[in-house]
Protein backbone atom coordinates (compact mmCIF):
# COMPACT_ATOMS: atom_id res chain seq x y z
CA MET A 1 -104.58 -128.19 -7.33
CA LEU A 2 -107.07 -125.44 -6.54
CA LYS A 3 -109.45 -124.67 -9.40
CA PRO A 4 -110.34 -121.10 -10.39
CA GLY A 5 -112.96 -119.81 -7.96
CA GLY A 6 -111.78 -122.26 -5.31
CA VAL A 7 -111.22 -121.36 -1.68
CA ALA A 8 -108.28 -122.31 0.53
CA ALA A 9 -108.36 -121.96 4.32
CA VAL A 10 -105.42 -121.54 6.67
CA VAL A 11 -105.74 -122.13 10.42
CA HIS A 12 -102.67 -121.54 12.54
CA TRP A 13 -101.59 -120.89 16.11
CA ASN A 14 -101.57 -117.24 17.24
CA TYR A 15 -98.17 -115.62 17.44
CA ASP A 16 -98.43 -115.20 21.21
CA PRO A 17 -95.92 -116.37 23.83
CA THR A 18 -98.72 -116.92 26.39
CA THR A 19 -100.29 -119.71 24.31
CA PRO A 20 -99.89 -122.86 26.44
CA ARG A 21 -99.53 -125.30 23.53
CA GLY A 22 -98.47 -125.43 19.92
CA PRO A 23 -95.22 -125.09 18.03
CA ALA A 24 -92.34 -122.96 19.22
CA LEU A 25 -92.88 -119.24 18.71
CA GLU A 26 -89.91 -118.94 16.35
CA ILE A 27 -91.60 -121.22 13.78
CA ARG A 28 -95.13 -119.77 14.03
CA PRO A 29 -95.91 -117.49 11.10
CA ARG A 30 -97.75 -114.28 11.79
CA PRO A 31 -101.00 -113.83 9.82
CA GLU A 32 -99.31 -111.19 7.64
CA GLN A 33 -96.68 -113.74 6.61
CA CYS A 34 -99.33 -116.30 5.64
CA ILE A 35 -101.16 -113.61 3.65
CA ALA A 36 -97.95 -112.74 1.80
CA TRP A 37 -97.31 -116.43 1.03
CA GLY A 38 -100.86 -116.84 -0.30
CA GLN A 39 -100.51 -113.79 -2.51
CA GLU A 40 -97.13 -115.01 -3.79
CA ALA A 41 -98.91 -118.23 -4.76
CA GLY A 42 -101.41 -116.24 -6.84
CA LEU A 43 -104.30 -116.28 -4.37
CA THR A 44 -106.38 -113.28 -3.36
CA PHE A 45 -107.16 -112.26 0.21
CA ALA A 46 -109.75 -109.81 1.51
CA GLY A 47 -109.35 -108.39 5.01
CA ARG A 48 -112.83 -109.52 5.97
CA GLU A 49 -111.65 -113.10 5.47
CA ARG A 50 -109.49 -113.04 8.61
CA PHE A 51 -110.96 -114.75 11.66
CA ASP A 52 -110.00 -114.72 15.33
CA LEU A 53 -110.46 -118.33 16.43
CA LYS A 54 -110.07 -117.82 20.17
CA PRO A 55 -108.39 -118.69 22.27
CA TYR A 56 -105.32 -119.98 20.40
CA HIS A 57 -105.78 -119.78 16.62
CA TYR A 58 -106.50 -117.51 13.68
CA GLY A 59 -108.00 -118.34 10.31
CA LEU A 60 -107.57 -116.90 6.83
CA LEU A 61 -109.49 -117.52 3.61
CA PHE A 62 -107.92 -117.21 0.18
CA ARG A 63 -109.55 -117.41 -3.21
CA LYS A 64 -108.11 -118.43 -6.55
CA PRO A 65 -109.07 -115.94 -9.26
């Protein structure tokens, strides 16, 4: 369980058909979907906490209020 003030990180494959590896495109969530899931779980997200982890991934940071 994440304590108040804690930080959770998400790293996932880009939603890009040219990515040579990783899960099938139909099961890769877009960053916006991960953000929505985090917010539904009660976490906060600031746009500056989105990272382009080239060449194949993205990262998101969430905080528990």
